Every structure is written in structure tokens, then in C-alpha cells.
N, C-alpha and C. Protein backbone atom coordinates (compact mmCIF):
# COMPACT_ATOMS: atom_id res chain seq x y z
N MET A 1 0.83 -1.18 0.00
CA MET A 1 0.00 0.00 0.00
C MET A 1 0.87 1.24 0.00
N LYS A 2 1.92 1.24 0.83
CA LYS A 2 2.81 2.38 0.88
C LYS A 2 3.48 2.59 -0.47
N GLU A 3 3.79 1.49 -1.17
CA GLU A 3 4.43 1.58 -2.48
C GLU A 3 3.49 2.26 -3.48
N ASN A 4 2.16 1.92 -3.45
CA ASN A 4 1.19 2.54 -4.36
C ASN A 4 1.07 4.03 -4.08
N GLU A 5 1.07 4.42 -2.79
CA GLU A 5 0.98 5.83 -2.45
C GLU A 5 2.20 6.58 -2.98
N GLU A 6 3.37 5.96 -2.85
CA GLU A 6 4.57 6.61 -3.37
C GLU A 6 4.50 6.71 -4.88
N ASN A 7 3.98 5.67 -5.53
CA ASN A 7 3.87 5.69 -6.99
C ASN A 7 2.93 6.78 -7.46
N ILE A 8 1.79 6.92 -6.79
CA ILE A 8 0.82 7.93 -7.16
C ILE A 8 1.39 9.32 -6.92
N GLN A 9 2.03 9.52 -5.77
CA GLN A 9 2.62 10.82 -5.48
C GLN A 9 3.77 11.11 -6.43
N GLY A 10 4.45 10.12 -6.83
CA GLY A 10 5.59 10.31 -7.71
C GLY A 10 5.17 10.44 -9.16
N GLY A 11 3.87 10.36 -9.47
CA GLY A 11 3.41 10.53 -10.84
C GLY A 11 3.35 9.23 -11.60
N GLU A 12 3.62 8.11 -10.95
CA GLU A 12 3.57 6.84 -11.64
C GLU A 12 2.21 6.20 -11.42
N ALA A 13 1.74 5.50 -12.41
CA ALA A 13 0.49 4.78 -12.27
C ALA A 13 0.75 3.52 -11.47
N PRO A 14 -0.26 3.02 -10.75
CA PRO A 14 -0.08 1.77 -10.01
C PRO A 14 0.37 0.67 -10.96
N GLY A 15 1.23 -0.16 -10.53
CA GLY A 15 1.72 -1.25 -11.37
C GLY A 15 2.96 -0.88 -12.15
N GLU A 16 3.36 0.38 -12.14
CA GLU A 16 4.56 0.80 -12.85
C GLU A 16 5.65 1.19 -11.84
N ALA A 17 5.70 0.48 -10.80
CA ALA A 17 6.64 0.83 -9.72
C ALA A 17 8.07 0.66 -10.19
N ARG A 18 8.88 1.63 -9.82
CA ARG A 18 10.31 1.53 -10.06
C ARG A 18 10.95 1.02 -8.79
N THR A 19 11.97 0.31 -8.97
CA THR A 19 12.68 -0.15 -7.78
C THR A 19 13.56 0.99 -7.29
N GLU A 20 13.86 0.95 -6.01
CA GLU A 20 14.66 2.03 -5.44
C GLU A 20 16.02 2.07 -6.12
N GLY A 21 16.39 3.30 -6.38
CA GLY A 21 17.70 3.49 -6.97
C GLY A 21 17.66 3.43 -8.48
N GLU A 22 16.54 2.97 -9.07
CA GLU A 22 16.44 2.89 -10.52
C GLU A 22 16.19 4.28 -11.07
N THR A 23 16.98 4.69 -12.03
CA THR A 23 16.82 6.00 -12.64
C THR A 23 15.93 5.85 -13.87
N PRO A 24 14.92 6.70 -13.96
CA PRO A 24 14.04 6.59 -15.14
C PRO A 24 14.82 6.96 -16.40
N THR A 25 14.47 6.29 -17.47
CA THR A 25 15.14 6.59 -18.74
C THR A 25 14.37 7.69 -19.45
N VAL A 26 15.03 8.30 -20.39
CA VAL A 26 14.40 9.37 -21.17
C VAL A 26 13.20 8.80 -21.92
N GLU A 27 13.35 7.60 -22.46
CA GLU A 27 12.27 6.99 -23.22
C GLU A 27 11.05 6.73 -22.34
N SER A 28 11.28 6.23 -21.12
CA SER A 28 10.15 5.95 -20.24
C SER A 28 9.45 7.25 -19.83
N LEU A 29 10.24 8.32 -19.60
CA LEU A 29 9.63 9.60 -19.26
C LEU A 29 8.87 10.19 -20.45
N GLU A 30 9.42 10.07 -21.65
CA GLU A 30 8.72 10.55 -22.85
C GLU A 30 7.42 9.77 -23.06
N GLY A 31 7.47 8.47 -22.84
CA GLY A 31 6.27 7.63 -22.96
C GLY A 31 5.22 8.05 -21.96
N GLU A 32 5.66 8.33 -20.73
CA GLU A 32 4.72 8.76 -19.70
C GLU A 32 4.14 10.13 -20.05
N ILE A 33 4.94 11.01 -20.60
CA ILE A 33 4.45 12.33 -21.02
C ILE A 33 3.43 12.17 -22.14
N ARG A 34 3.70 11.28 -23.11
CA ARG A 34 2.74 11.03 -24.19
C ARG A 34 1.43 10.49 -23.65
N ARG A 35 1.50 9.54 -22.71
CA ARG A 35 0.28 8.97 -22.11
C ARG A 35 -0.51 10.05 -21.39
N LYS A 36 0.20 10.86 -20.61
CA LYS A 36 -0.48 11.93 -19.87
C LYS A 36 -1.05 12.99 -20.82
N THR A 37 -0.34 13.29 -21.89
CA THR A 37 -0.84 14.25 -22.89
C THR A 37 -2.08 13.69 -23.58
N ASP A 38 -2.02 12.40 -23.95
CA ASP A 38 -3.19 11.76 -24.57
C ASP A 38 -4.38 11.74 -23.61
N GLU A 39 -4.12 11.43 -22.36
CA GLU A 39 -5.18 11.42 -21.35
C GLU A 39 -5.77 12.81 -21.19
N TYR A 40 -4.88 13.82 -21.14
CA TYR A 40 -5.34 15.21 -21.03
C TYR A 40 -6.21 15.59 -22.24
N ASN A 41 -5.73 15.27 -23.45
CA ASN A 41 -6.48 15.59 -24.67
C ASN A 41 -7.84 14.90 -24.69
N ALA A 42 -7.89 13.65 -24.27
CA ALA A 42 -9.15 12.91 -24.23
C ALA A 42 -10.12 13.57 -23.25
N LEU A 43 -9.60 13.94 -22.07
CA LEU A 43 -10.45 14.61 -21.08
C LEU A 43 -10.90 15.98 -21.58
N GLN A 44 -10.00 16.69 -22.25
CA GLN A 44 -10.35 18.01 -22.80
C GLN A 44 -11.45 17.87 -23.85
N ASN A 45 -11.33 16.90 -24.75
CA ASN A 45 -12.35 16.65 -25.77
C ASN A 45 -13.69 16.28 -25.14
N LYS A 46 -13.63 15.43 -24.12
CA LYS A 46 -14.85 15.02 -23.42
C LYS A 46 -15.50 16.24 -22.76
N HIS A 47 -14.69 17.09 -22.17
CA HIS A 47 -15.19 18.30 -21.54
C HIS A 47 -15.86 19.21 -22.57
N LEU A 48 -15.21 19.41 -23.72
CA LEU A 48 -15.77 20.28 -24.76
C LEU A 48 -17.07 19.70 -25.33
N ARG A 49 -17.12 18.38 -25.52
CA ARG A 49 -18.36 17.75 -26.00
C ARG A 49 -19.48 17.91 -24.98
N THR A 50 -19.14 17.78 -23.71
CA THR A 50 -20.15 17.95 -22.65
C THR A 50 -20.67 19.37 -22.64
N LEU A 51 -19.78 20.35 -22.78
CA LEU A 51 -20.22 21.75 -22.85
C LEU A 51 -21.12 21.98 -24.06
N ALA A 52 -20.74 21.42 -25.20
CA ALA A 52 -21.56 21.59 -26.41
C ALA A 52 -22.92 20.92 -26.23
N ASP A 53 -22.95 19.73 -25.64
CA ASP A 53 -24.22 19.04 -25.37
C ASP A 53 -25.10 19.87 -24.45
N MET A 54 -24.50 20.45 -23.43
CA MET A 54 -25.27 21.28 -22.49
C MET A 54 -25.82 22.52 -23.20
N GLU A 55 -25.03 23.14 -24.06
CA GLU A 55 -25.50 24.32 -24.80
C GLU A 55 -26.64 23.94 -25.75
N ASN A 56 -26.51 22.80 -26.44
CA ASN A 56 -27.58 22.34 -27.33
C ASN A 56 -28.85 22.04 -26.54
N LEU A 57 -28.71 21.44 -25.37
CA LEU A 57 -29.85 21.15 -24.52
C LEU A 57 -30.52 22.44 -24.08
N ARG A 58 -29.73 23.44 -23.70
CA ARG A 58 -30.28 24.72 -23.29
C ARG A 58 -31.06 25.36 -24.43
N LYS A 59 -30.49 25.34 -25.64
CA LYS A 59 -31.16 25.92 -26.80
C LYS A 59 -32.45 25.17 -27.11
N ARG A 60 -32.41 23.83 -27.06
CA ARG A 60 -33.59 23.02 -27.33
C ARG A 60 -34.69 23.30 -26.30
N MET A 61 -34.30 23.40 -25.03
CA MET A 61 -35.29 23.68 -23.98
C MET A 61 -35.90 25.07 -24.17
N THR A 62 -35.09 26.05 -24.54
CA THR A 62 -35.59 27.40 -24.79
C THR A 62 -36.56 27.39 -25.97
N ARG A 63 -36.19 26.68 -27.05
CA ARG A 63 -37.07 26.59 -28.23
C ARG A 63 -38.37 25.86 -27.89
N ASP A 64 -38.28 24.75 -27.14
CA ASP A 64 -39.47 24.00 -26.76
C ASP A 64 -40.39 24.84 -25.86
N GLN A 65 -39.79 25.60 -24.97
CA GLN A 65 -40.58 26.46 -24.08
C GLN A 65 -41.28 27.55 -24.90
N ALA A 66 -40.58 28.15 -25.85
CA ALA A 66 -41.18 29.18 -26.70
C ALA A 66 -42.32 28.59 -27.52
N ASP A 67 -42.12 27.38 -28.07
CA ASP A 67 -43.19 26.73 -28.84
C ASP A 67 -44.39 26.41 -27.95
N ALA A 68 -44.13 25.95 -26.75
CA ALA A 68 -45.22 25.63 -25.83
C ALA A 68 -46.05 26.88 -25.54
N ILE A 69 -45.39 28.00 -25.34
CA ILE A 69 -46.10 29.26 -25.09
C ILE A 69 -46.84 29.69 -26.36
N ARG A 70 -46.16 29.59 -27.48
CA ARG A 70 -46.72 30.05 -28.75
C ARG A 70 -47.95 29.26 -29.17
N TYR A 71 -47.98 27.97 -28.86
CA TYR A 71 -49.08 27.11 -29.29
C TYR A 71 -49.95 26.63 -28.13
N ALA A 72 -49.82 27.28 -26.97
CA ALA A 72 -50.55 26.84 -25.78
C ALA A 72 -52.06 26.93 -25.96
N ASN A 73 -52.54 27.87 -26.74
CA ASN A 73 -53.97 28.07 -26.90
C ASN A 73 -54.56 27.32 -28.09
N GLU A 74 -53.82 26.42 -28.66
CA GLU A 74 -54.25 25.72 -29.86
C GLU A 74 -55.61 25.04 -29.67
N LYS A 75 -55.80 24.35 -28.56
CA LYS A 75 -57.06 23.65 -28.32
C LYS A 75 -58.23 24.63 -28.20
N VAL A 76 -57.99 25.76 -27.55
CA VAL A 76 -59.04 26.78 -27.41
C VAL A 76 -59.44 27.30 -28.78
N PHE A 77 -58.47 27.59 -29.63
CA PHE A 77 -58.76 28.10 -30.96
C PHE A 77 -59.49 27.06 -31.80
N LEU A 78 -59.12 25.79 -31.66
CA LEU A 78 -59.82 24.74 -32.39
C LEU A 78 -61.29 24.67 -31.99
N GLU A 79 -61.58 24.98 -30.75
CA GLU A 79 -62.97 25.00 -30.28
C GLU A 79 -63.71 26.25 -30.77
N MET A 80 -62.99 27.34 -30.99
CA MET A 80 -63.61 28.60 -31.43
C MET A 80 -63.92 28.62 -32.93
N ILE A 81 -63.14 27.92 -33.71
CA ILE A 81 -63.29 27.99 -35.16
C ILE A 81 -64.67 27.55 -35.64
N PRO A 82 -65.30 26.50 -35.08
CA PRO A 82 -66.66 26.19 -35.51
C PRO A 82 -67.66 27.32 -35.22
N VAL A 83 -67.44 28.07 -34.15
CA VAL A 83 -68.29 29.23 -33.87
C VAL A 83 -68.11 30.26 -35.00
N LEU A 84 -66.87 30.48 -35.40
CA LEU A 84 -66.57 31.37 -36.51
C LEU A 84 -67.26 30.88 -37.79
N ASP A 85 -67.19 29.58 -38.04
CA ASP A 85 -67.87 29.00 -39.21
C ASP A 85 -69.37 29.29 -39.17
N ASN A 86 -69.98 29.15 -38.01
CA ASN A 86 -71.43 29.37 -37.89
C ASN A 86 -71.80 30.83 -38.12
N ILE A 87 -70.98 31.75 -37.64
CA ILE A 87 -71.24 33.18 -37.89
C ILE A 87 -71.16 33.45 -39.39
N GLU A 88 -70.13 32.92 -40.04
CA GLU A 88 -69.99 33.12 -41.49
C GLU A 88 -71.16 32.50 -42.25
N ARG A 89 -71.60 31.33 -41.82
CA ARG A 89 -72.74 30.66 -42.44
C ARG A 89 -74.01 31.49 -42.25
N ALA A 90 -74.21 32.05 -41.07
CA ALA A 90 -75.39 32.88 -40.80
C ALA A 90 -75.39 34.12 -41.70
N ILE A 91 -74.23 34.73 -41.88
CA ILE A 91 -74.12 35.91 -42.75
C ILE A 91 -74.45 35.52 -44.19
N LEU A 92 -73.93 34.40 -44.64
CA LEU A 92 -74.17 33.93 -46.00
C LEU A 92 -75.67 33.71 -46.25
N HIS A 93 -76.34 33.07 -45.32
CA HIS A 93 -77.77 32.79 -45.49
C HIS A 93 -78.63 34.04 -45.29
N ALA A 94 -78.24 34.93 -44.40
CA ALA A 94 -79.00 36.16 -44.18
C ALA A 94 -78.86 37.11 -45.35
N ASP A 95 -77.77 37.01 -46.11
CA ASP A 95 -77.58 37.85 -47.29
C ASP A 95 -78.69 37.63 -48.31
N GLU A 96 -79.26 36.44 -48.31
CA GLU A 96 -80.30 36.11 -49.27
C GLU A 96 -81.60 36.85 -48.99
N LYS A 97 -81.84 37.22 -47.75
CA LYS A 97 -83.09 37.89 -47.38
C LYS A 97 -82.75 39.29 -46.85
N LYS A 98 -83.25 40.29 -47.49
CA LYS A 98 -82.93 41.68 -47.15
C LYS A 98 -83.62 42.15 -45.87
N GLU A 99 -84.59 41.43 -45.37
CA GLU A 99 -85.30 41.86 -44.17
C GLU A 99 -84.44 41.75 -42.91
N PHE A 100 -83.32 41.07 -43.00
CA PHE A 100 -82.45 40.89 -41.85
C PHE A 100 -81.24 41.83 -41.87
N GLU A 101 -81.32 42.90 -42.64
CA GLU A 101 -80.16 43.77 -42.84
C GLU A 101 -79.57 44.32 -41.54
N PRO A 102 -80.36 44.82 -40.57
CA PRO A 102 -79.74 45.32 -39.33
C PRO A 102 -79.01 44.20 -38.55
N MET A 103 -79.62 43.04 -38.49
CA MET A 103 -78.99 41.91 -37.80
C MET A 103 -77.74 41.46 -38.56
N LEU A 104 -77.84 41.49 -39.86
CA LEU A 104 -76.72 41.09 -40.71
C LEU A 104 -75.52 42.01 -40.51
N GLU A 105 -75.77 43.30 -40.41
CA GLU A 105 -74.68 44.25 -40.16
C GLU A 105 -74.01 43.98 -38.82
N GLY A 106 -74.81 43.66 -37.80
CA GLY A 106 -74.27 43.31 -36.49
C GLY A 106 -73.42 42.05 -36.55
N LEU A 107 -73.87 41.07 -37.31
CA LEU A 107 -73.09 39.84 -37.47
C LEU A 107 -71.76 40.11 -38.18
N ARG A 108 -71.80 40.96 -39.18
CA ARG A 108 -70.56 41.30 -39.90
C ARG A 108 -69.57 41.99 -38.97
N LEU A 109 -70.06 42.91 -38.16
CA LEU A 109 -69.18 43.59 -37.21
C LEU A 109 -68.61 42.60 -36.19
N THR A 110 -69.46 41.70 -35.71
CA THR A 110 -69.01 40.68 -34.76
C THR A 110 -67.95 39.79 -35.40
N LEU A 111 -68.19 39.39 -36.64
CA LEU A 111 -67.24 38.55 -37.36
C LEU A 111 -65.89 39.27 -37.52
N ARG A 112 -65.91 40.53 -37.92
CA ARG A 112 -64.66 41.29 -38.07
C ARG A 112 -63.90 41.38 -36.75
N GLU A 113 -64.64 41.65 -35.68
CA GLU A 113 -64.00 41.76 -34.37
C GLU A 113 -63.42 40.42 -33.93
N PHE A 114 -64.19 39.37 -34.15
CA PHE A 114 -63.73 38.02 -33.78
C PHE A 114 -62.47 37.66 -34.55
N LEU A 115 -62.45 37.92 -35.85
CA LEU A 115 -61.26 37.65 -36.66
C LEU A 115 -60.07 38.49 -36.21
N GLY A 116 -60.33 39.74 -35.83
CA GLY A 116 -59.26 40.61 -35.33
C GLY A 116 -58.64 40.09 -34.06
N VAL A 117 -59.47 39.60 -33.15
CA VAL A 117 -58.97 39.04 -31.89
C VAL A 117 -58.14 37.79 -32.17
N LEU A 118 -58.65 36.92 -33.02
CA LEU A 118 -57.90 35.71 -33.35
C LEU A 118 -56.56 36.05 -34.01
N GLU A 119 -56.57 37.05 -34.87
CA GLU A 119 -55.33 37.45 -35.55
C GLU A 119 -54.28 37.95 -34.58
N LYS A 120 -54.71 38.64 -33.51
CA LYS A 120 -53.76 39.10 -32.50
C LYS A 120 -53.00 37.95 -31.87
N PHE A 121 -53.63 36.79 -31.83
CA PHE A 121 -53.01 35.61 -31.23
C PHE A 121 -52.41 34.67 -32.27
N GLY A 122 -52.29 35.14 -33.53
CA GLY A 122 -51.60 34.36 -34.55
C GLY A 122 -52.48 33.45 -35.37
N VAL A 123 -53.81 33.54 -35.22
CA VAL A 123 -54.72 32.70 -36.01
C VAL A 123 -55.11 33.50 -37.24
N ARG A 124 -54.89 32.90 -38.42
CA ARG A 124 -55.26 33.57 -39.66
C ARG A 124 -55.76 32.52 -40.66
N PRO A 125 -56.65 32.93 -41.56
CA PRO A 125 -57.18 31.97 -42.53
C PRO A 125 -56.14 31.55 -43.56
N ILE A 126 -56.31 30.35 -44.07
CA ILE A 126 -55.46 29.84 -45.14
C ILE A 126 -56.08 30.27 -46.46
N GLU A 127 -55.29 30.90 -47.31
CA GLU A 127 -55.74 31.26 -48.66
C GLU A 127 -55.66 29.99 -49.51
N SER A 128 -56.78 29.57 -50.06
CA SER A 128 -56.80 28.29 -50.76
C SER A 128 -57.14 28.39 -52.24
N ILE A 129 -58.19 29.12 -52.59
CA ILE A 129 -58.69 29.12 -53.96
C ILE A 129 -57.62 29.69 -54.90
N GLY A 130 -57.37 28.92 -55.97
CA GLY A 130 -56.37 29.32 -56.96
C GLY A 130 -54.95 28.89 -56.60
N GLN A 131 -54.76 28.34 -55.43
CA GLN A 131 -53.43 27.90 -54.98
C GLN A 131 -53.21 26.43 -55.35
N PRO A 132 -51.97 26.02 -55.51
CA PRO A 132 -51.70 24.60 -55.73
C PRO A 132 -52.10 23.80 -54.47
N PHE A 133 -52.63 22.62 -54.67
CA PHE A 133 -53.02 21.77 -53.55
C PHE A 133 -51.79 21.45 -52.71
N ASP A 134 -51.91 21.63 -51.41
CA ASP A 134 -50.83 21.35 -50.46
C ASP A 134 -51.42 20.51 -49.34
N PRO A 135 -51.04 19.23 -49.25
CA PRO A 135 -51.63 18.37 -48.22
C PRO A 135 -51.37 18.82 -46.79
N ALA A 136 -50.40 19.70 -46.59
CA ALA A 136 -50.14 20.23 -45.24
C ALA A 136 -51.16 21.30 -44.87
N ARG A 137 -51.79 21.92 -45.88
CA ARG A 137 -52.75 23.00 -45.62
C ARG A 137 -54.17 22.66 -46.06
N HIS A 138 -54.30 21.70 -46.96
CA HIS A 138 -55.60 21.40 -47.54
C HIS A 138 -55.96 19.93 -47.33
N HIS A 139 -57.26 19.71 -47.25
CA HIS A 139 -57.79 18.34 -47.22
C HIS A 139 -58.75 18.25 -48.39
N ALA A 140 -58.36 17.49 -49.42
CA ALA A 140 -59.18 17.38 -50.63
C ALA A 140 -60.35 16.44 -50.38
N VAL A 141 -61.56 16.92 -50.68
CA VAL A 141 -62.75 16.09 -50.51
C VAL A 141 -63.43 15.84 -51.85
N ASP A 142 -62.92 16.50 -52.93
CA ASP A 142 -63.55 16.36 -54.23
C ASP A 142 -62.54 16.71 -55.31
N GLN A 143 -62.72 16.09 -56.49
CA GLN A 143 -61.94 16.46 -57.66
C GLN A 143 -62.90 16.96 -58.71
N VAL A 144 -62.55 18.06 -59.35
CA VAL A 144 -63.40 18.67 -60.36
C VAL A 144 -62.64 18.66 -61.68
N ILE A 145 -63.27 18.10 -62.71
CA ILE A 145 -62.64 18.10 -64.04
C ILE A 145 -62.72 19.51 -64.59
N SER A 146 -61.56 20.06 -64.95
CA SER A 146 -61.51 21.45 -65.39
C SER A 146 -60.41 21.66 -66.42
N ASP A 147 -60.80 22.34 -67.50
CA ASP A 147 -59.81 22.78 -68.49
C ASP A 147 -59.23 24.13 -68.12
N ALA A 148 -59.96 24.87 -67.30
CA ALA A 148 -59.58 26.25 -66.99
C ALA A 148 -58.47 26.36 -65.95
N HIS A 149 -58.18 25.28 -65.24
CA HIS A 149 -57.17 25.33 -64.18
C HIS A 149 -56.11 24.27 -64.41
N GLU A 150 -54.92 24.57 -63.92
CA GLU A 150 -53.86 23.56 -63.93
C GLU A 150 -54.28 22.41 -63.03
N GLU A 151 -53.83 21.23 -63.34
CA GLU A 151 -54.15 20.08 -62.50
C GLU A 151 -53.56 20.28 -61.11
N GLY A 152 -54.34 19.93 -60.09
CA GLY A 152 -53.88 20.05 -58.71
C GLY A 152 -54.08 21.43 -58.12
N THR A 153 -54.89 22.27 -58.78
CA THR A 153 -55.17 23.61 -58.26
C THR A 153 -56.46 23.56 -57.45
N VAL A 154 -56.50 24.27 -56.35
CA VAL A 154 -57.70 24.34 -55.53
C VAL A 154 -58.70 25.23 -56.26
N VAL A 155 -59.90 24.67 -56.58
CA VAL A 155 -60.91 25.43 -57.33
C VAL A 155 -62.09 25.85 -56.45
N ALA A 156 -62.28 25.19 -55.32
CA ALA A 156 -63.37 25.56 -54.42
C ALA A 156 -62.97 25.25 -52.99
N GLU A 157 -63.48 26.07 -52.08
CA GLU A 157 -63.20 25.87 -50.65
C GLU A 157 -64.54 25.57 -49.97
N LEU A 158 -64.64 24.38 -49.40
CA LEU A 158 -65.88 23.98 -48.75
C LEU A 158 -65.91 24.37 -47.28
N ARG A 159 -64.73 24.48 -46.68
CA ARG A 159 -64.61 24.94 -45.29
C ARG A 159 -63.24 25.58 -45.16
N LYS A 160 -63.21 26.76 -44.55
CA LYS A 160 -61.94 27.48 -44.40
C LYS A 160 -60.99 26.72 -43.48
N GLY A 161 -59.72 26.88 -43.79
CA GLY A 161 -58.68 26.37 -42.93
C GLY A 161 -57.99 27.53 -42.24
N TYR A 162 -57.26 27.23 -41.17
CA TYR A 162 -56.61 28.29 -40.40
C TYR A 162 -55.21 27.87 -39.98
N PHE A 163 -54.33 28.88 -39.93
CA PHE A 163 -53.00 28.72 -39.38
C PHE A 163 -53.00 29.25 -37.95
N LEU A 164 -52.18 28.66 -37.12
CA LEU A 164 -51.82 29.25 -35.82
C LEU A 164 -50.32 29.50 -35.93
N ASN A 165 -49.96 30.77 -36.09
CA ASN A 165 -48.59 31.18 -36.40
C ASN A 165 -48.20 30.49 -37.71
N GLU A 166 -47.18 29.65 -37.75
CA GLU A 166 -46.80 28.99 -39.00
C GLU A 166 -47.41 27.61 -39.13
N ARG A 167 -48.01 27.11 -38.10
CA ARG A 167 -48.53 25.74 -38.06
C ARG A 167 -49.99 25.73 -38.54
N THR A 168 -50.36 24.67 -39.28
CA THR A 168 -51.74 24.51 -39.71
C THR A 168 -52.57 24.11 -38.50
N LEU A 169 -53.53 24.96 -38.17
CA LEU A 169 -54.43 24.69 -37.05
C LEU A 169 -55.54 23.75 -37.50
N ARG A 170 -56.15 24.07 -38.63
CA ARG A 170 -57.18 23.23 -39.22
C ARG A 170 -57.02 23.34 -40.73
N PRO A 171 -56.88 22.21 -41.43
CA PRO A 171 -56.75 22.28 -42.89
C PRO A 171 -58.07 22.69 -43.54
N ALA A 172 -57.97 23.33 -44.68
CA ALA A 172 -59.16 23.73 -45.45
C ALA A 172 -59.68 22.51 -46.19
N LEU A 173 -61.01 22.37 -46.23
CA LEU A 173 -61.64 21.33 -47.05
C LEU A 173 -61.83 21.92 -48.44
N VAL A 174 -61.24 21.27 -49.44
CA VAL A 174 -61.21 21.87 -50.78
C VAL A 174 -61.56 20.87 -51.86
N SER A 175 -61.91 21.45 -53.02
CA SER A 175 -62.06 20.69 -54.26
C SER A 175 -60.85 21.03 -55.12
N VAL A 176 -60.30 20.01 -55.77
CA VAL A 176 -59.07 20.17 -56.54
C VAL A 176 -59.33 19.86 -58.00
N SER A 177 -58.71 20.63 -58.90
CA SER A 177 -58.92 20.43 -60.33
C SER A 177 -58.20 19.18 -60.82
N LYS A 178 -58.80 18.62 -61.86
CA LYS A 178 -58.26 17.41 -62.49
C LYS A 178 -58.45 17.58 -64.00
N ARG A 179 -57.50 17.11 -64.77
CA ARG A 179 -57.58 17.19 -66.23
C ARG A 179 -58.65 16.22 -66.75
N PRO A 180 -59.26 16.57 -67.88
CA PRO A 180 -60.16 15.61 -68.52
C PRO A 180 -59.39 14.36 -68.91
N GLU A 181 -60.09 13.31 -69.23
CA GLU A 181 -59.49 12.00 -69.47
C GLU A 181 -58.30 12.00 -70.43
N GLY A 182 -58.24 12.84 -71.41
CA GLY A 182 -57.10 12.88 -72.34
C GLY A 182 -55.89 13.49 -71.70
N GLY A 183 -56.06 14.27 -70.65
CA GLY A 183 -54.96 14.92 -69.97
C GLY A 183 -54.46 16.16 -70.65
N GLU A 184 -54.99 16.44 -71.86
CA GLU A 184 -54.57 17.62 -72.61
C GLU A 184 -55.48 18.79 -72.29
N LYS A 185 -54.92 19.95 -72.24
CA LYS A 185 -55.70 21.17 -72.02
C LYS A 185 -56.34 21.56 -73.34
N THR A 186 -57.65 21.76 -73.32
CA THR A 186 -58.35 22.16 -74.53
C THR A 186 -58.54 23.66 -74.52
N GLU A 187 -58.50 24.25 -75.69
CA GLU A 187 -58.66 25.71 -75.80
C GLU A 187 -60.07 26.04 -76.16
């Protein structure tokens, strides 16, 4: 035990004991320096990787926290959108009968205010008609044969879709154009 303590204090690893009076050679000292340098370099690399991992973890946690805050109200907005749909539907049907004009104006004002409030929180409608079909934003429920549109173009919107910030909150239900059976555009 005393020999191991002397070896450790003397800079030698256990098991590399020198006998008393033995003078270390230059080669053995150079070898020991190389081993210690390699050990130091390995520990330094491990330390730097650990620091980088910790920094990446901090950034990921900050990003996840920001996303959680940014999308925290997603469920509430999903519950509100059908109410918005019903207001829009009421306006559409009331437009047909002019006797409801005062009520219709109130509904339009309510709709504008409701859309303004949603927009403050990052909810905005998806522009669909005339756009190329995008499965991330649209849900196709019908195909319409059309010479007037490029294939895969949204030609009708059956239900509006909405974004929450950059994320699709609810996809739009759309009809998509399709070429006639020949596939050629006719003039």
C-alpha cells in the first residue's frame, strides 16, 4: 500500500513501480508524457463535448418552451373555429333575405372583431382558392374536371382552414382540379 501511495505521489500509475535506486530513462519519461498528454487531450475533448451538449440542450429547452407558449392556446382556438364557421354561415344565409339587414350588419361587425382578436393571437385563414393543392394545408374532398385550371389547383373551398402562427391549425376542405381523361388542355 505504501508503495502505491509513493507511486501515485511520484506521478507513476499503479503497477509501474520503479525499484529504489532505478533512474528513469528518457524513453520511459517521454512515454509517460505522451500517455499523460493523450489522457489530457481525451479529457479536454470530453469536456468540450459535454459543454456543447449542455449548450444544445439549453437551446432546445428554450425553443421548446417558446413553442409551448406560442401554441398553448391551440385547443381553445380549435374549439372557437366552428363558432366562426357558424357566424360566417349565418351571414351567407342572411344575405339572401334583405329583411335581416340590421342583424346582418351586427353579425358582420361581430365577425370582423372576432377575426381581429384571433389574428392578435396568430390565427389567420389559409388562402386556398387558386393555390396549388398542399396536403399540409388542404384536405381534398372532391376532384373537379376542369380545363380552366392547372391540374392540382384548388378550385373551391368547402370549409376554411386556419394557421396558428406557421402551423396549420385546421386544414381547409377543398375541391381540386383534375384534367379531362385525355390529360390535354383544350382551348
